[in-house]
Amino acid sequence: MDDPDALGGLWVHWVLFNIPASYNELDAAIDVPDSAISVKNSWGKTGYGGPCPPSGTHRYYFRLYALDTFLSLDEKATKKDVEYAMQGHILETSELICKYTKI
């Protein structure tokens, strides 16, 4: 999940990979399967960081990639490492863009 409208450029809220194809939801507690790996977000923490823009309306991009393999990376990887490792393995993609305004 990325926020391209953040001050200073793209703000990464969450990168999660190696989700099994049989896994078709993430519940409200954001329980993830054991094989899934989360790397550091823009806060320098692993895991999900929810939307909370300081002002104005921000867009949040959720991108899902179906891959033909699990990636041989660990939690020390970066978002760029994950994107590079996915090259040549993407079968399908999906994107959801949401807008959020702090009231």
PDB file of N, CA and C in Angstrom:
ATOM      1  N   MET A   1       0.862  -1.169   0.000  1.00  0.00           N
ATOM      2  CA  MET A   1       0.000   0.000   0.000  1.00  0.00           C
ATOM      3  C   MET A   1       0.904   1.225   0.000  1.00  0.00           C
ATOM      4  N   ASP A   2       0.679   2.097  -0.952  1.00  0.00           N
ATOM      5  CA  ASP A   2       1.495   3.298  -1.110  1.00  0.00           C
ATOM      6  C   ASP A   2       0.630   4.553  -1.116  1.00  0.00           C
ATOM      7  N   ASP A   3       1.199   5.647  -0.628  1.00  0.00           N
ATOM      8  CA  ASP A   3       0.574   6.967  -0.671  1.00  0.00           C
ATOM      9  C   ASP A   3       1.468   7.875  -1.507  1.00  0.00           C
ATOM     10  N   PRO A   4       1.103   8.118  -2.782  1.00  0.00           N
ATOM     11  CA  PRO A   4       1.931   8.977  -3.623  1.00  0.00           C
ATOM     12  C   PRO A   4       1.751  10.466  -3.328  1.00  0.00           C
ATOM     13  N   ASP A   5       0.784  10.809  -2.483  1.00  0.00           N
ATOM     14  CA  ASP A   5       0.493  12.215  -2.192  1.00  0.00           C
ATOM     15  C   ASP A   5       1.173  12.720  -0.920  1.00  0.00           C
ATOM     16  N   ALA A   6       1.987  11.896  -0.302  1.00  0.00           N
ATOM     17  CA  ALA A   6       2.666  12.294   0.934  1.00  0.00           C
ATOM     18  C   ALA A   6       3.685  13.392   0.653  1.00  0.00           C
ATOM     19  N   LEU A   7       3.856  14.267   1.630  1.00  0.00           N
ATOM     20  CA  LEU A   7       4.880  15.304   1.512  1.00  0.00           C
ATOM     21  C   LEU A   7       6.236  14.618   1.388  1.00  0.00           C
ATOM     22  N   GLY A   8       7.035  15.071   0.461  1.00  0.00           N
ATOM     23  CA  GLY A   8       8.354  14.475   0.288  1.00  0.00           C
ATOM     24  C   GLY A   8       8.370  13.273  -0.629  1.00  0.00           C
ATOM     25  N   GLY A   9       7.226  12.901  -1.184  1.00  0.00           N
ATOM     26  CA  GLY A   9       7.199  11.794  -2.137  1.00  0.00           C
ATOM     27  C   GLY A   9       6.480  10.565  -1.619  1.00  0.00           C
ATOM     28  N   LEU A  10       6.641   9.482  -2.339  1.00  0.00           N
ATOM     29  CA  LEU A  10       5.929   8.235  -2.073  1.00  0.00           C
ATOM     30  C   LEU A  10       6.153   7.753  -0.640  1.00  0.00           C
ATOM     31  N   TRP A  11       5.060   7.430   0.054  1.00  0.00           N
ATOM     32  CA  TRP A  11       5.130   6.889   1.405  1.00  0.00           C
ATOM     33  C   TRP A  11       4.624   5.452   1.355  1.00  0.00           C
ATOM     34  N   VAL A  12       5.481   4.527   1.724  1.00  0.00           N
ATOM     35  CA  VAL A  12       5.141   3.101   1.692  1.00  0.00           C
ATOM     36  C   VAL A  12       4.507   2.719   3.023  1.00  0.00           C
ATOM     37  N   HIS A  13       3.263   2.255   2.966  1.00  0.00           N
ATOM     38  CA  HIS A  13       2.543   1.843   4.167  1.00  0.00           C
ATOM     39  C   HIS A  13       2.697   0.354   4.444  1.00  0.00           C
ATOM     40  N   TRP A  14       2.849  -0.447   3.369  1.00  0.00           N
ATOM     41  CA  TRP A  14       2.914  -1.895   3.572  1.00  0.00           C
ATOM     42  C   TRP A  14       3.415  -2.576   2.324  1.00  0.00           C
ATOM     43  N   VAL A  15       4.325  -3.521   2.522  1.00  0.00           N
ATOM     44  CA  VAL A  15       4.759  -4.436   1.466  1.00  0.00           C
ATOM     45  C   VAL A  15       4.695  -5.832   2.072  1.00  0.00           C
ATOM     46  N   LEU A  16       3.908  -6.699   1.479  1.00  0.00           N
ATOM     47  CA  LEU A  16       3.725  -8.067   1.955  1.00  0.00           C
ATOM     48  C   LEU A  16       3.846  -8.986   0.752  1.00  0.00           C
ATOM     49  N   PHE A  17       4.656 -10.027   0.863  1.00  0.00           N
ATOM     50  CA  PHE A  17       4.809 -10.946  -0.270  1.00  0.00           C
ATOM     51  C   PHE A  17       4.869 -12.390   0.219  1.00  0.00           C
ATOM     52  N   ASN A  18       4.833 -13.303  -0.740  1.00  0.00           N
ATOM     53  CA  ASN A  18       4.784 -14.752  -0.498  1.00  0.00           C
ATOM     54  C   ASN A  18       3.495 -15.166   0.204  1.00  0.00           C
ATOM     55  N   ILE A  19       2.403 -14.576  -0.245  1.00  0.00           N
ATOM     56  CA  ILE A  19       1.073 -14.962   0.222  1.00  0.00           C
ATOM     57  C   ILE A  19       0.632 -16.144  -0.638  1.00  0.00           C
ATOM     58  N   PRO A  20       0.265 -17.276  -0.049  1.00  0.00           N
ATOM     59  CA  PRO A  20      -0.153 -18.427  -0.854  1.00  0.00           C
ATOM     60  C   PRO A  20      -1.395 -18.107  -1.697  1.00  0.00           C
ATOM     61  N   ALA A  21      -1.479 -18.716  -2.871  1.00  0.00           N
ATOM     62  CA  ALA A  21      -2.622 -18.500  -3.765  1.00  0.00           C
ATOM     63  C   ALA A  21      -3.929 -18.931  -3.110  1.00  0.00           C
ATOM     64  N   SER A  22      -3.875 -19.866  -2.184  1.00  0.00           N
ATOM     65  CA  SER A  22      -5.085 -20.343  -1.510  1.00  0.00           C
ATOM     66  C   SER A  22      -5.611 -19.343  -0.482  1.00  0.00           C
ATOM     67  N   TYR A  23      -4.828 -18.354  -0.159  1.00  0.00           N
ATOM     68  CA  TYR A  23      -5.214 -17.352   0.837  1.00  0.00           C
ATOM     69  C   TYR A  23      -5.968 -16.241   0.125  1.00  0.00           C
ATOM     70  N   ASN A  24      -7.242 -16.042   0.450  1.00  0.00           N
ATOM     71  CA  ASN A  24      -8.048 -15.095  -0.320  1.00  0.00           C
ATOM     72  C   ASN A  24      -8.595 -13.918   0.478  1.00  0.00           C
ATOM     73  N   GLU A  25      -8.081 -13.696   1.693  1.00  0.00           N
ATOM     74  CA  GLU A  25      -8.528 -12.537   2.457  1.00  0.00           C
ATOM     75  C   GLU A  25      -7.528 -12.207   3.563  1.00  0.00           C
ATOM     76  N   LEU A  26      -7.556 -10.968   3.972  1.00  0.00           N
ATOM     77  CA  LEU A  26      -6.842 -10.526   5.169  1.00  0.00           C
ATOM     78  C   LEU A  26      -7.905  -9.954   6.087  1.00  0.00           C
ATOM     79  N   ASP A  27      -8.037 -10.522   7.270  1.00  0.00           N
ATOM     80  CA  ASP A  27      -9.103 -10.067   8.161  1.00  0.00           C
ATOM     81  C   ASP A  27      -8.738  -8.746   8.837  1.00  0.00           C
ATOM     82  N   ALA A  28      -9.658  -8.230   9.610  1.00  0.00           N
ATOM     83  CA  ALA A  28      -9.473  -6.919  10.242  1.00  0.00           C
ATOM     84  C   ALA A  28      -8.254  -6.879  11.157  1.00  0.00           C
ATOM     85  N   ALA A  29      -7.878  -8.021  11.716  1.00  0.00           N
ATOM     86  CA  ALA A  29      -6.700  -8.077  12.586  1.00  0.00           C
ATOM     87  C   ALA A  29      -5.417  -8.183  11.762  1.00  0.00           C
ATOM     88  N   ILE A  30      -5.562  -8.267  10.450  1.00  0.00           N
ATOM     89  CA  ILE A  30      -4.461  -8.396   9.506  1.00  0.00           C
ATOM     90  C   ILE A  30      -3.569  -9.579   9.885  1.00  0.00           C
ATOM     91  N   ASP A  31      -4.224 -10.714  10.147  1.00  0.00           N
ATOM     92  CA  ASP A  31      -3.488 -11.955  10.345  1.00  0.00           C
ATOM     93  C   ASP A  31      -3.009 -12.428   8.985  1.00  0.00           C
ATOM     94  N   VAL A  32      -1.732 -12.695   8.876  1.00  0.00           N
ATOM     95  CA  VAL A  32      -1.172 -13.121   7.597  1.00  0.00           C
ATOM     96  C   VAL A  32      -0.677 -14.556   7.716  1.00  0.00           C
ATOM     97  N   PRO A  33      -0.645 -15.282   6.600  1.00  0.00           N
ATOM     98  CA  PRO A  33      -0.163 -16.664   6.643  1.00  0.00           C
ATOM     99  C   PRO A  33       1.318 -16.712   7.029  1.00  0.00           C
ATOM    100  N   ASP A  34       1.738 -17.848   7.562  1.00  0.00           N
ATOM    101  CA  ASP A  34       3.119 -17.999   8.027  1.00  0.00           C
ATOM    102  C   ASP A  34       4.155 -17.764   6.937  1.00  0.00           C
ATOM    103  N   SER A  35       3.828 -18.090   5.696  1.00  0.00           N
ATOM    104  CA  SER A  35       4.802 -17.938   4.602  1.00  0.00           C
ATOM    105  C   SER A  35       4.981 -16.485   4.175  1.00  0.00           C
ATOM    106  N   ALA A  36       4.022 -15.624   4.516  1.00  0.00           N
ATOM    107  CA  ALA A  36       4.069 -14.227   4.074  1.00  0.00           C
ATOM    108  C   ALA A  36       5.155 -13.455   4.822  1.00  0.00           C
ATOM    109  N   ILE A  37       5.808 -12.571   4.093  1.00  0.00           N
ATOM    110  CA  ILE A  37       6.890 -11.766   4.655  1.00  0.00           C
ATOM    111  C   ILE A  37       6.561 -10.295   4.441  1.00  0.00           C
ATOM    112  N   SER A  38       6.700  -9.518   5.492  1.00  0.00           N
ATOM    113  CA  SER A  38       6.486  -8.078   5.429  1.00  0.00           C
ATOM    114  C   SER A  38       7.836  -7.393   5.608  1.00  0.00           C
ATOM    115  N   VAL A  39       8.105  -6.404   4.759  1.00  0.00           N
ATOM    116  CA  VAL A  39       9.371  -5.667   4.853  1.00  0.00           C
ATOM    117  C   VAL A  39       9.103  -4.281   5.429  1.00  0.00           C
ATOM    118  N   LYS A  40      10.160  -3.559   5.730  1.00  0.00           N
ATOM    119  CA  LYS A  40      10.011  -2.251   6.369  1.00  0.00           C
ATOM    120  C   LYS A  40       9.234  -1.268   5.496  1.00  0.00           C
ATOM    121  N   ASN A  41       8.358  -0.519   6.161  1.00  0.00           N
ATOM    122  CA  ASN A  41       7.603   0.535   5.492  1.00  0.00           C
ATOM    123  C   ASN A  41       8.351   1.863   5.669  1.00  0.00           C
ATOM    124  N   SER A  42       7.735   2.952   5.299  1.00  0.00           N
ATOM    125  CA  SER A  42       8.399   4.259   5.392  1.00  0.00           C
ATOM    126  C   SER A  42       8.595   4.743   6.829  1.00  0.00           C
ATOM    127  N   TRP A  43       7.947   4.091   7.790  1.00  0.00           N
ATOM    128  CA  TRP A  43       8.181   4.395   9.202  1.00  0.00           C
ATOM    129  C   TRP A  43       9.393   3.627   9.736  1.00  0.00           C
ATOM    130  N   GLY A  44       9.951   2.741   8.894  1.00  0.00           N
ATOM    131  CA  GLY A  44      11.077   1.925   9.331  1.00  0.00           C
ATOM    132  C   GLY A  44      10.658   0.714  10.141  1.00  0.00           C
ATOM    133  N   LYS A  45       9.372   0.342  10.047  1.00  0.00           N
ATOM    134  CA  LYS A  45       8.839  -0.800  10.784  1.00  0.00           C
ATOM    135  C   LYS A  45       8.279  -1.815   9.802  1.00  0.00           C
ATOM    136  N   THR A  46       8.299  -3.090  10.173  1.00  0.00           N
ATOM    137  CA  THR A  46       7.646  -4.095   9.344  1.00  0.00           C
ATOM    138  C   THR A  46       6.168  -4.115   9.696  1.00  0.00           C
ATOM    139  N   GLY A  47       5.349  -4.475   8.732  1.00  0.00           N
ATOM    140  CA  GLY A  47       3.920  -4.564   8.963  1.00  0.00           C
ATOM    141  C   GLY A  47       3.150  -3.415   8.345  1.00  0.00           C
ATOM    142  N   TYR A  48       1.877  -3.418   8.632  1.00  0.00           N
ATOM    143  CA  TYR A  48       0.929  -2.474   8.053  1.00  0.00           C
ATOM    144  C   TYR A  48       0.901  -1.174   8.842  1.00  0.00           C
ATOM    145  N   GLY A  49       0.905  -0.061   8.126  1.00  0.00           N
ATOM    146  CA  GLY A  49       0.699   1.255   8.716  1.00  0.00           C
ATOM    147  C   GLY A  49      -0.483   1.901   8.021  1.00  0.00           C
ATOM    148  N   GLY A  50      -1.550   2.115   8.729  1.00  0.00           N
ATOM    149  CA  GLY A  50      -2.788   2.608   8.130  1.00  0.00           C
ATOM    150  C   GLY A  50      -2.731   4.046   7.648  1.00  0.00           C
ATOM    151  N   PRO A  51      -3.735   4.450   6.863  1.00  0.00           N
ATOM    152  CA  PRO A  51      -3.781   5.807   6.325  1.00  0.00           C
ATOM    153  C   PRO A  51      -4.092   6.830   7.416  1.00  0.00           C
ATOM    154  N   CYS A  52      -3.364   7.911   7.402  1.00  0.00           N
ATOM    155  CA  CYS A  52      -3.604   9.009   8.335  1.00  0.00           C
ATOM    156  C   CYS A  52      -2.878  10.241   7.808  1.00  0.00           C
ATOM    157  N   PRO A  53      -3.365  10.803   6.696  1.00  0.00           N
ATOM    158  CA  PRO A  53      -2.657  11.941   6.109  1.00  0.00           C
ATOM    159  C   PRO A  53      -2.693  13.154   7.038  1.00  0.00           C
ATOM    160  N   PRO A  54      -1.621  13.947   7.059  1.00  0.00           N
ATOM    161  CA  PRO A  54      -1.592  15.122   7.921  1.00  0.00           C
ATOM    162  C   PRO A  54      -2.616  16.177   7.520  1.00  0.00           C
ATOM    163  N   SER A  55      -2.885  16.288   6.224  1.00  0.00           N
ATOM    164  CA  SER A  55      -3.894  17.240   5.746  1.00  0.00           C
ATOM    165  C   SER A  55      -4.277  16.880   4.322  1.00  0.00           C
ATOM    166  N   GLY A  56      -5.454  17.314   3.931  1.00  0.00           N
ATOM    167  CA  GLY A  56      -5.908  17.084   2.565  1.00  0.00           C
ATOM    168  C   GLY A  56      -6.308  15.644   2.302  1.00  0.00           C
ATOM    169  N   THR A  57      -6.654  15.400   1.047  1.00  0.00           N
ATOM    170  CA  THR A  57      -7.044  14.071   0.597  1.00  0.00           C
ATOM    171  C   THR A  57      -5.838  13.382  -0.025  1.00  0.00           C
ATOM    172  N   HIS A  58      -5.616  12.145   0.375  1.00  0.00           N
ATOM    173  CA  HIS A  58      -4.522  11.350  -0.168  1.00  0.00           C
ATOM    174  C   HIS A  58      -5.085  10.116  -0.857  1.00  0.00           C
ATOM    175  N   ARG A  59      -4.382   9.679  -1.895  1.00  0.00           N
ATOM    176  CA  ARG A  59      -4.730   8.442  -2.588  1.00  0.00           C
ATOM    177  C   ARG A  59      -3.872   7.310  -2.021  1.00  0.00           C
ATOM    178  N   TYR A  60      -4.493   6.162  -1.859  1.00  0.00           N
ATOM    179  CA  TYR A  60      -3.793   4.982  -1.358  1.00  0.00           C
ATOM    180  C   TYR A  60      -3.940   3.877  -2.392  1.00  0.00           C
ATOM    181  N   TYR A  61      -2.801   3.395  -2.852  1.00  0.00           N
ATOM    182  CA  TYR A  61      -2.765   2.373  -3.895  1.00  0.00           C
ATOM    183  C   TYR A  61      -2.507   1.011  -3.262  1.00  0.00           C
ATOM    184  N   PHE A  62      -3.428   0.099  -3.493  1.00  0.00           N
ATOM    185  CA  PHE A  62      -3.260  -1.297  -3.106  1.00  0.00           C
ATOM    186  C   PHE A  62      -2.991  -2.067  -4.393  1.00  0.00           C
ATOM    187  N   ARG A  63      -1.847  -2.726  -4.482  1.00  0.00           N
ATOM    188  CA  ARG A  63      -1.508  -3.499  -5.681  1.00  0.00           C
ATOM    189  C   ARG A  63      -1.309  -4.951  -5.276  1.00  0.00           C
ATOM    190  N   LEU A  64      -1.933  -5.827  -6.044  1.00  0.00           N
ATOM    191  CA  LEU A  64      -1.824  -7.260  -5.803  1.00  0.00           C
ATOM    192  C   LEU A  64      -1.223  -7.901  -7.040  1.00  0.00           C
ATOM    193  N   TYR A  65      -0.225  -8.732  -6.834  1.00  0.00           N
ATOM    194  CA  TYR A  65       0.446  -9.415  -7.938  1.00  0.00           C
ATOM    195  C   TYR A  65       0.323 -10.917  -7.732  1.00  0.00           C
ATOM    196  N   ALA A  66      -0.141 -11.628  -8.756  1.00  0.00           N
ATOM    197  CA  ALA A  66      -0.114 -13.089  -8.748  1.00  0.00           C
ATOM    198  C   ALA A  66       1.197 -13.497  -9.407  1.00  0.00           C
ATOM    199  N   LEU A  67       2.007 -14.253  -8.674  1.00  0.00           N
ATOM    200  CA  LEU A  67       3.312 -14.669  -9.172  1.00  0.00           C
ATOM    201  C   LEU A  67       3.340 -16.172  -9.407  1.00  0.00           C
ATOM    202  N   ASP A  68       4.274 -16.608 -10.234  1.00  0.00           N
ATOM    203  CA  ASP A  68       4.417 -18.036 -10.494  1.00  0.00           C
ATOM    204  C   ASP A  68       5.399 -18.711  -9.532  1.00  0.00           C
ATOM    205  N   THR A  69       5.862 -17.988  -8.535  1.00  0.00           N
ATOM    206  CA  THR A  69       6.823 -18.526  -7.575  1.00  0.00           C
ATOM    207  C   THR A  69       6.794 -17.707  -6.288  1.00  0.00           C
ATOM    208  N   PHE A  70       7.304 -18.292  -5.217  1.00  0.00           N
ATOM    209  CA  PHE A  70       7.571 -17.517  -4.008  1.00  0.00           C
ATOM    210  C   PHE A  70       8.907 -16.821  -4.210  1.00  0.00           C
ATOM    211  N   LEU A  71       9.080 -15.662  -3.630  1.00  0.00           N
ATOM    212  CA  LEU A  71      10.323 -14.908  -3.767  1.00  0.00           C
ATOM    213  C   LEU A  71      11.324 -15.347  -2.702  1.00  0.00           C
ATOM    214  N   SER A  72      12.571 -15.462  -3.115  1.00  0.00           N
ATOM    215  CA  SER A  72      13.646 -15.878  -2.199  1.00  0.00           C
ATOM    216  C   SER A  72      14.245 -14.654  -1.511  1.00  0.00           C
ATOM    217  N   LEU A  73      13.415 -13.966  -0.769  1.00  0.00           N
ATOM    218  CA  LEU A  73      13.823 -12.772  -0.035  1.00  0.00           C
ATOM    219  C   LEU A  73      13.391 -12.929   1.415  1.00  0.00           C
ATOM    220  N   ASP A  74      13.955 -12.121   2.293  1.00  0.00           N
ATOM    221  CA  ASP A  74      13.529 -12.138   3.688  1.00  0.00           C
ATOM    222  C   ASP A  74      13.093 -10.739   4.114  1.00  0.00           C
ATOM    223  N   GLU A  75      12.846 -10.563   5.399  1.00  0.00           N
ATOM    224  CA  GLU A  75      12.321  -9.289   5.904  1.00  0.00           C
ATOM    225  C   GLU A  75      13.324  -8.145   5.814  1.00  0.00           C
ATOM    226  N   LYS A  76      14.567  -8.428   5.449  1.00  0.00           N
ATOM    227  CA  LYS A  76      15.567  -7.367   5.272  1.00  0.00           C
ATOM    228  C   LYS A  76      15.486  -6.732   3.885  1.00  0.00           C
ATOM    229  N   ALA A  77      14.681  -7.309   3.015  1.00  0.00           N
ATOM    230  CA  ALA A  77      14.522  -6.775   1.659  1.00  0.00           C
ATOM    231  C   ALA A  77      13.824  -5.414   1.716  1.00  0.00           C
ATOM    232  N   THR A  78      13.941  -4.671   0.639  1.00  0.00           N
ATOM    233  CA  THR A  78      13.235  -3.398   0.499  1.00  0.00           C
ATOM    234  C   THR A  78      12.116  -3.570  -0.521  1.00  0.00           C
ATOM    235  N   LYS A  79      11.275  -2.580  -0.625  1.00  0.00           N
ATOM    236  CA  LYS A  79      10.223  -2.615  -1.641  1.00  0.00           C
ATOM    237  C   LYS A  79      10.841  -2.760  -3.028  1.00  0.00           C
ATOM    238  N   LYS A  80      11.928  -2.044  -3.286  1.00  0.00           N
ATOM    239  CA  LYS A  80      12.600  -2.139  -4.587  1.00  0.00           C
ATOM    240  C   LYS A  80      13.138  -3.543  -4.827  1.00  0.00           C
ATOM    241  N   ASP A  81      13.668  -4.196  -3.793  1.00  0.00           N
ATOM    242  CA  ASP A  81      14.141  -5.580  -3.921  1.00  0.00           C
ATOM    243  C   ASP A  81      12.990  -6.494  -4.331  1.00  0.00           C
ATOM    244  N   VAL A  82      11.841  -6.313  -3.700  1.00  0.00           N
ATOM    245  CA  VAL A  82      10.664  -7.134  -4.003  1.00  0.00           C
ATOM    246  C   VAL A  82      10.224  -6.894  -5.445  1.00  0.00           C
ATOM    247  N   GLU A  83      10.141  -5.637  -5.855  1.00  0.00           N
ATOM    248  CA  GLU A  83       9.733  -5.319  -7.227  1.00  0.00           C
ATOM    249  C   GLU A  83      10.707  -5.922  -8.238  1.00  0.00           C
ATOM    250  N   TYR A  84      11.992  -5.872  -7.953  1.00  0.00           N
ATOM    251  CA  TYR A  84      12.995  -6.437  -8.860  1.00  0.00           C
ATOM    252  C   TYR A  84      12.864  -7.962  -8.931  1.00  0.00           C
ATOM    253  N   ALA A  85      12.691  -8.610  -7.781  1.00  0.00           N
ATOM    254  CA  ALA A  85      12.574 -10.065  -7.735  1.00  0.00           C
ATOM    255  C   ALA A  85      11.318 -10.567  -8.443  1.00  0.00           C
ATOM    256  N   MET A  86      10.270  -9.740  -8.508  1.00  0.00           N
ATOM    257  CA  MET A  86       9.027 -10.138  -9.176  1.00  0.00           C
ATOM    258  C   MET A  86       9.149 -10.143 -10.697  1.00  0.00           C
ATOM    259  N   GLN A  87      10.118  -9.428 -11.233  1.00  0.00           N
ATOM    260  CA  GLN A  87      10.249  -9.313 -12.689  1.00  0.00           C
ATOM    261  C   GLN A  87      10.353 -10.703 -13.320  1.00  0.00           C
ATOM    262  N   GLY A  88       9.541 -10.923 -14.343  1.00  0.00           N
ATOM    263  CA  GLY A  88       9.517 -12.197 -15.044  1.00  0.00           C
ATOM    264  C   GLY A  88       8.653 -13.250 -14.384  1.00  0.00           C
ATOM    265  N   HIS A  89       8.034 -12.922 -13.247  1.00  0.00           N
ATOM    266  CA  HIS A  89       7.213 -13.894 -12.520  1.00  0.00           C
ATOM    267  C   HIS A  89       5.768 -13.438 -12.341  1.00  0.00           C
ATOM    268  N   ILE A  90       5.404 -12.287 -12.879  1.00  0.00           N
ATOM    269  CA  ILE A  90       4.055 -11.747 -12.691  1.00  0.00           C
ATOM    270  C   ILE A  90       3.091 -12.389 -13.684  1.00  0.00           C
ATOM    271  N   LEU A  91       2.062 -13.058 -13.153  1.00  0.00           N
ATOM    272  CA  LEU A  91       1.028 -13.681 -13.981  1.00  0.00           C
ATOM    273  C   LEU A  91      -0.153 -12.738 -14.191  1.00  0.00           C
ATOM    274  N   GLU A  92      -0.562 -12.058 -13.141  1.00  0.00           N
ATOM    275  CA  GLU A  92      -1.692 -11.126 -13.176  1.00  0.00           C
ATOM    276  C   GLU A  92      -1.452 -10.022 -12.152  1.00  0.00           C
ATOM    277  N   THR A  93      -2.107  -8.883 -12.384  1.00  0.00           N
ATOM    278  CA  THR A  93      -2.051  -7.793 -11.408  1.00  0.00           C
ATOM    279  C   THR A  93      -3.446  -7.215 -11.200  1.00  0.00           C
ATOM    280  N   SER A  94      -3.620  -6.607 -10.061  1.00  0.00           N
ATOM    281  CA  SER A  94      -4.869  -5.925  -9.749  1.00  0.00           C
ATOM    282  C   SER A  94      -4.513  -4.705  -8.904  1.00  0.00           C
ATOM    283  N   GLU A  95      -5.301  -3.647  -9.050  1.00  0.00           N
ATOM    284  CA  GLU A  95      -5.016  -2.425  -8.306  1.00  0.00           C
ATOM    285  C   GLU A  95      -6.317  -1.804  -7.815  1.00  0.00           C
ATOM    286  N   LEU A  96      -6.288  -1.346  -6.583  1.00  0.00           N
ATOM    287  CA  LEU A  96      -7.405  -0.624  -5.986  1.00  0.00           C
ATOM    288  C   LEU A  96      -6.858   0.701  -5.484  1.00  0.00           C
ATOM    289  N   ILE A  97      -7.506   1.793  -5.860  1.00  0.00           N
ATOM    290  CA  ILE A  97      -7.090   3.118  -5.409  1.00  0.00           C
ATOM    291  C   ILE A  97      -8.203   3.680  -4.530  1.00  0.00           C
ATOM    292  N   CYS A  98      -7.856   4.018  -3.307  1.00  0.00           N
ATOM    293  CA  CYS A  98      -8.813   4.594  -2.363  1.00  0.00           C
ATOM    294  C   CYS A  98      -8.370   6.002  -2.007  1.00  0.00           C
ATOM    295  N   LYS A  99      -9.334   6.843  -1.670  1.00  0.00           N
ATOM    296  CA  LYS A  99      -9.027   8.199  -1.205  1.00  0.00           C
ATOM    297  C   LYS A  99      -9.412   8.307   0.259  1.00  0.00           C
ATOM    298  N   TYR A 100      -8.574   9.014   1.002  1.00  0.00           N
ATOM    299  CA  TYR A 100      -8.820   9.174   2.429  1.00  0.00           C
ATOM    300  C   TYR A 100      -8.500  10.608   2.822  1.00  0.00           C
ATOM    301  N   THR A 101      -9.391  11.207   3.587  1.00  0.00           N
ATOM    302  CA  THR A 101      -9.189  12.557   4.102  1.00  0.00           C
ATOM    303  C   THR A 101      -9.321  12.514   5.611  1.00  0.00           C
ATOM    304  N   LYS A 102      -8.344  13.054   6.292  1.00  0.00           N
ATOM    305  CA  LYS A 102      -8.411  13.133   7.749  1.00  0.00           C
ATOM    306  C   LYS A 102      -9.367  14.260   8.123  1.00  0.00           C
ATOM    307  N   ILE A 103     -10.301  13.960   8.994  1.00  0.00           N
ATOM    308  CA  ILE A 103     -11.302  14.949   9.400  1.00  0.00           C
ATOM    309  C   ILE A 103     -10.919  15.543  10.741  1.00  0.00           C
TER     310      ILE A 103
END
